[in-house]
């Protein structure tokens, strides 16, 4: 296991009502399915998937259709054999949905976009704090001394 402790794993095994032994057969089956359905994973190098966006999109499409659109034999076994007793997708088994989705339903599902990130502050950082608009500007009420036609004159602004 890469994350968590053995006690956490055993507690999750009890909750799952499945196997009593830790095994990797389910994740290995998923890896095999991904390699079968995405051609760039079958190559010995990732050079075939130069466009990373297309690779990620393919992974999401295969992962979502794997979980929502296809019944799985291990989940569809009878209750006596550890299954759910009816044809079932992983999304149905985990309670995310109550029916098998069609590919059209999967591809036309509207996902709420994430909120836009705050724009990055540009330019030099401020050295003086911003003035409070509720207080009058202290510099605007001072008397100024200006030079007019060679003579000093005190004016207020």
C-alpha atoms as a PDB file:
ATOM      1  CA  UNK A   1       0.000   0.000   0.000  1.00  0.00           C
ATOM      2  CA  UNK A   2       1.276   3.446  -0.762  1.00  0.00           C
ATOM      3  CA  UNK A   3      -1.014   5.473   1.508  1.00  0.00           C
ATOM      4  CA  UNK A   4      -2.506   4.750   4.895  1.00  0.00           C
ATOM      5  CA  UNK A   5      -1.893   2.087   7.478  1.00  0.00           C
ATOM      6  CA  UNK A   6      -2.703  -1.604   7.635  1.00  0.00           C
ATOM      7  CA  UNK A   7      -5.409  -0.915  10.244  1.00  0.00           C
ATOM      8  CA  UNK A   8      -7.142   1.528   7.876  1.00  0.00           C
ATOM      9  CA  UNK A   9      -6.972  -1.022   5.061  1.00  0.00           C
ATOM     10  CA  UNK A  10      -8.481  -3.765   7.213  1.00  0.00           C
ATOM     11  CA  UNK A  11     -11.288  -1.434   8.345  1.00  0.00           C
ATOM     12  CA  UNK A  12     -12.068  -0.579   4.696  1.00  0.00           C
ATOM     13  CA  UNK A  13     -12.060  -4.298   3.800  1.00  0.00           C
ATOM     14  CA  UNK A  14     -14.664  -4.976   6.502  1.00  0.00           C
ATOM     15  CA  UNK A  15     -16.866  -2.125   5.282  1.00  0.00           C
ATOM     16  CA  UNK A  16     -16.649  -3.211   1.628  1.00  0.00           C
ATOM     17  CA  UNK A  17     -18.361  -6.608   2.231  1.00  0.00           C
ATOM     18  CA  UNK A  18     -16.059  -8.023  -0.408  1.00  0.00           C
ATOM     19  CA  UNK A  19     -12.818  -9.896  -0.136  1.00  0.00           C
ATOM     20  CA  UNK A  20     -11.109 -10.439   3.203  1.00  0.00           C
ATOM     21  CA  UNK A  21      -7.616 -10.307   1.686  1.00  0.00           C
ATOM     22  CA  UNK A  22      -5.804  -7.352   0.121  1.00  0.00           C
ATOM     23  CA  UNK A  23      -5.196  -8.009  -3.567  1.00  0.00           C
ATOM     24  CA  UNK A  24      -4.401  -5.981  -6.658  1.00  0.00           C
ATOM     25  CA  UNK A  25      -6.465  -7.917  -9.185  1.00  0.00           C
ATOM     26  CA  UNK A  26      -9.084  -5.177  -9.640  1.00  0.00           C
ATOM     27  CA  UNK A  27      -6.583  -2.398 -10.295  1.00  0.00           C
ATOM     28  CA  UNK A  28      -4.570  -4.694 -12.585  1.00  0.00           C
ATOM     29  CA  UNK A  29      -7.764  -5.439 -14.518  1.00  0.00           C
ATOM     30  CA  UNK A  30      -8.392  -1.685 -14.852  1.00  0.00           C
ATOM     31  CA  UNK A  31      -4.825  -1.159 -16.070  1.00  0.00           C
ATOM     32  CA  UNK A  32      -5.316  -3.923 -18.650  1.00  0.00           C
ATOM     33  CA  UNK A  33      -8.572  -2.364 -19.828  1.00  0.00           C
ATOM     34  CA  UNK A  34      -6.946   1.055 -20.180  1.00  0.00           C
ATOM     35  CA  UNK A  35      -4.055  -0.404 -22.196  1.00  0.00           C
ATOM     36  CA  UNK A  36      -6.512  -2.270 -24.408  1.00  0.00           C
ATOM     37  CA  UNK A  37      -8.669   0.761 -25.156  1.00  0.00           C
ATOM     38  CA  UNK A  38      -6.059   3.538 -25.436  1.00  0.00           C
ATOM     39  CA  UNK A  39      -3.490   2.837 -28.119  1.00  0.00           C
ATOM     40  CA  UNK A  40      -0.811   5.170 -26.768  1.00  0.00           C
ATOM     41  CA  UNK A  41      -0.577   3.062 -23.587  1.00  0.00           C
ATOM     42  CA  UNK A  42       0.260  -0.094 -25.543  1.00  0.00           C
ATOM     43  CA  UNK A  43       3.439   1.393 -26.994  1.00  0.00           C
ATOM     44  CA  UNK A  44       6.718   0.897 -25.168  1.00  0.00           C
ATOM     45  CA  UNK A  45       7.246   4.645 -25.067  1.00  0.00           C
ATOM     46  CA  UNK A  46       4.931   7.617 -24.679  1.00  0.00           C
ATOM     47  CA  UNK A  47       6.196   9.180 -27.917  1.00  0.00           C
ATOM     48  CA  UNK A  48       2.949   8.136 -29.613  1.00  0.00           C
ATOM     49  CA  UNK A  49       0.999  10.477 -27.355  1.00  0.00           C
ATOM     50  CA  UNK A  50       2.813  13.701 -28.176  1.00  0.00           C
ATOM     51  CA  UNK A  51      -0.349  15.700 -27.693  1.00  0.00           C
ATOM     52  CA  UNK A  52      -0.806  15.450 -23.959  1.00  0.00           C
ATOM     53  CA  UNK A  53      -4.287  16.996 -24.063  1.00  0.00           C
ATOM     54  CA  UNK A  54      -5.557  14.206 -26.340  1.00  0.00           C
ATOM     55  CA  UNK A  55      -3.982  11.609 -24.048  1.00  0.00           C
ATOM     56  CA  UNK A  56      -5.660  13.062 -20.930  1.00  0.00           C
ATOM     57  CA  UNK A  57      -8.993  13.377 -22.726  1.00  0.00           C
ATOM     58  CA  UNK A  58      -8.807   9.742 -23.803  1.00  0.00           C
ATOM     59  CA  UNK A  59      -8.000   8.648 -20.249  1.00  0.00           C
ATOM     60  CA  UNK A  60     -11.015  10.540 -18.862  1.00  0.00           C
ATOM     61  CA  UNK A  61     -13.333   9.181 -21.553  1.00  0.00           C
ATOM     62  CA  UNK A  62     -12.242   5.586 -20.967  1.00  0.00           C
ATOM     63  CA  UNK A  63     -12.351   5.964 -17.178  1.00  0.00           C
ATOM     64  CA  UNK A  64     -15.835   7.474 -17.163  1.00  0.00           C
ATOM     65  CA  UNK A  65     -17.267   4.996 -19.651  1.00  0.00           C
ATOM     66  CA  UNK A  66     -15.646   2.124 -17.708  1.00  0.00           C
ATOM     67  CA  UNK A  67     -17.378   3.230 -14.503  1.00  0.00           C
ATOM     68  CA  UNK A  68     -20.749   4.433 -15.834  1.00  0.00           C
ATOM     69  CA  UNK A  69     -21.522   2.671 -19.131  1.00  0.00           C
ATOM     70  CA  UNK A  70     -20.507  -0.997 -18.882  1.00  0.00           C
ATOM     71  CA  UNK A  71     -21.687  -3.730 -16.579  1.00  0.00           C
ATOM     72  CA  UNK A  72     -18.907  -5.599 -14.784  1.00  0.00           C
ATOM     73  CA  UNK A  73     -18.939  -9.341 -14.385  1.00  0.00           C
ATOM     74  CA  UNK A  74     -17.454  -9.343 -10.861  1.00  0.00           C
ATOM     75  CA  UNK A  75     -20.100  -6.894  -9.606  1.00  0.00           C
ATOM     76  CA  UNK A  76     -22.942  -8.649 -11.435  1.00  0.00           C
ATOM     77  CA  UNK A  77     -22.431 -12.067  -9.752  1.00  0.00           C
ATOM     78  CA  UNK A  78     -25.005 -13.506  -7.432  1.00  0.00           C
ATOM     79  CA  UNK A  79     -25.032 -12.360  -3.816  1.00  0.00           C
ATOM     80  CA  UNK A  80     -23.782 -15.772  -2.659  1.00  0.00           C
ATOM     81  CA  UNK A  81     -20.671 -15.357  -4.816  1.00  0.00           C
ATOM     82  CA  UNK A  82     -19.900 -11.843  -3.530  1.00  0.00           C
ATOM     83  CA  UNK A  83     -21.689  -9.776  -6.180  1.00  0.00           C
ATOM     84  CA  UNK A  84     -24.750  -7.568  -6.004  1.00  0.00           C
ATOM     85  CA  UNK A  85     -27.147 -10.023  -7.626  1.00  0.00           C
ATOM     86  CA  UNK A  86     -28.026  -7.867 -10.640  1.00  0.00           C
ATOM     87  CA  UNK A  87     -26.167  -6.379 -13.617  1.00  0.00           C
ATOM     88  CA  UNK A  88     -24.178  -3.521 -12.151  1.00  0.00           C
ATOM     89  CA  UNK A  89     -21.629  -0.861 -13.127  1.00  0.00           C
ATOM     90  CA  UNK A  90     -19.032   0.413 -10.629  1.00  0.00           C
ATOM     91  CA  UNK A  91     -20.914   3.728 -10.383  1.00  0.00           C
ATOM     92  CA  UNK A  92     -24.102   1.849  -9.497  1.00  0.00           C
ATOM     93  CA  UNK A  93     -22.247  -0.250  -6.910  1.00  0.00           C
ATOM     94  CA  UNK A  94     -20.847   2.851  -5.220  1.00  0.00           C
ATOM     95  CA  UNK A  95     -24.225   4.633  -5.231  1.00  0.00           C
ATOM     96  CA  UNK A  96     -23.364   7.409  -7.709  1.00  0.00           C
ATOM     97  CA  UNK A  97     -26.178   6.449 -10.079  1.00  0.00           C
ATOM     98  CA  UNK A  98     -29.133   4.090 -10.226  1.00  0.00           C
ATOM     99  CA  UNK A  99     -28.893   3.029 -13.895  1.00  0.00           C
ATOM    100  CA  UNK A 100     -26.434   2.179 -16.638  1.00  0.00           C
ATOM    101  CA  UNK A 101     -25.581   5.289 -18.655  1.00  0.00           C
ATOM    102  CA  UNK A 102     -25.453   5.366 -22.434  1.00  0.00           C
ATOM    103  CA  UNK A 103     -22.444   6.944 -24.124  1.00  0.00           C
ATOM    104  CA  UNK A 104     -24.711   9.743 -25.345  1.00  0.00           C
ATOM    105  CA  UNK A 105     -25.850  10.441 -21.785  1.00  0.00           C
ATOM    106  CA  UNK A 106     -22.231  10.430 -20.584  1.00  0.00           C
ATOM    107  CA  UNK A 107     -20.996  12.778 -23.314  1.00  0.00           C
ATOM    108  CA  UNK A 108     -23.925  15.197 -23.013  1.00  0.00           C
ATOM    109  CA  UNK A 109     -23.790  15.459 -19.189  1.00  0.00           C
ATOM    110  CA  UNK A 110     -23.282  19.080 -18.158  1.00  0.00           C
ATOM    111  CA  UNK A 111     -20.479  19.568 -15.634  1.00  0.00           C
ATOM    112  CA  UNK A 112     -20.349  22.801 -13.659  1.00  0.00           C
ATOM    113  CA  UNK A 113     -17.061  24.544 -14.484  1.00  0.00           C
ATOM    114  CA  UNK A 114     -14.696  25.359 -11.665  1.00  0.00           C
ATOM    115  CA  UNK A 115     -14.574  28.999 -10.552  1.00  0.00           C
ATOM    116  CA  UNK A 116     -12.100  31.225 -12.318  1.00  0.00           C
ATOM    117  CA  UNK A 117      -8.853  31.788 -10.436  1.00  0.00           C
ATOM    118  CA  UNK A 118      -8.118  35.250  -9.107  1.00  0.00           C
ATOM    119  CA  UNK A 119      -5.974  37.250 -11.529  1.00  0.00           C
ATOM    120  CA  UNK A 120      -2.317  37.504 -10.692  1.00  0.00           C
ATOM    121  CA  UNK A 121      -1.232  40.866  -9.274  1.00  0.00           C
ATOM    122  CA  UNK A 122       0.965  42.597 -11.774  1.00  0.00           C
ATOM    123  CA  UNK A 123       3.461  45.409 -11.441  1.00  0.00           C
ATOM    124  CA  UNK A 124       5.594  46.551  -8.569  1.00  0.00           C
ATOM    125  CA  UNK A 125       4.317  46.010  -5.029  1.00  0.00           C
ATOM    126  CA  UNK A 126       2.957  49.052  -3.203  1.00  0.00           C
ATOM    127  CA  UNK A 127       5.268  50.905  -0.858  1.00  0.00           C
ATOM    128  CA  UNK A 128       2.502  53.088   0.623  1.00  0.00           C
ATOM    129  CA  UNK A 129      -0.892  51.783   1.761  1.00  0.00           C
ATOM    130  CA  UNK A 130      -4.051  52.818  -0.073  1.00  0.00           C
ATOM    131  CA  UNK A 131      -5.857  55.859   1.383  1.00  0.00           C
ATOM    132  CA  UNK A 132      -9.103  55.283   3.239  1.00  0.00           C
ATOM    133  CA  UNK A 133     -11.907  56.978   1.202  1.00  0.00           C
ATOM    134  CA  UNK A 134     -13.911  57.766   4.362  1.00  0.00           C
ATOM    135  CA  UNK A 135     -11.109  59.992   5.723  1.00  0.00           C
ATOM    136  CA  UNK A 136     -10.153  63.232   4.002  1.00  0.00           C
ATOM    137  CA  UNK A 137      -6.782  63.376   2.343  1.00  0.00           C
ATOM    138  CA  UNK A 138      -4.394  65.098   4.804  1.00  0.00           C
ATOM    139  CA  UNK A 139      -2.287  66.585   1.986  1.00  0.00           C
ATOM    140  CA  UNK A 140      -5.213  68.445   0.398  1.00  0.00           C
ATOM    141  CA  UNK A 141      -5.788  70.734   3.451  1.00  0.00           C
ATOM    142  CA  UNK A 142      -2.222  71.962   3.916  1.00  0.00           C
ATOM    143  CA  UNK A 143      -1.198  75.438   3.002  1.00  0.00           C
ATOM    144  CA  UNK A 144       1.101  75.640   0.004  1.00  0.00           C
ATOM    145  CA  UNK A 145       3.751  78.100  -0.801  1.00  0.00           C
ATOM    146  CA  UNK A 146       3.949  78.978  -4.486  1.00  0.00           C
ATOM    147  CA  UNK A 147       6.090  81.270  -6.428  1.00  0.00           C
ATOM    148  CA  UNK A 148       4.165  83.861  -8.512  1.00  0.00           C
ATOM    149  CA  UNK A 149       5.967  86.296 -10.676  1.00  0.00           C
ATOM    150  CA  UNK A 150       8.989  86.226  -8.454  1.00  0.00           C
ATOM    151  CA  UNK A 151       7.106  86.751  -5.135  1.00  0.00           C
ATOM    152  CA  UNK A 152       6.117  84.235  -2.471  1.00  0.00           C
ATOM    153  CA  UNK A 153       2.373  83.816  -1.998  1.00  0.00           C
ATOM    154  CA  UNK A 154       0.631  81.570   0.572  1.00  0.00           C
ATOM    155  CA  UNK A 155      -2.507  79.908  -0.768  1.00  0.00           C
ATOM    156  CA  UNK A 156      -4.720  77.095   0.410  1.00  0.00           C
ATOM    157  CA  UNK A 157      -6.181  74.615  -1.819  1.00  0.00           C
END
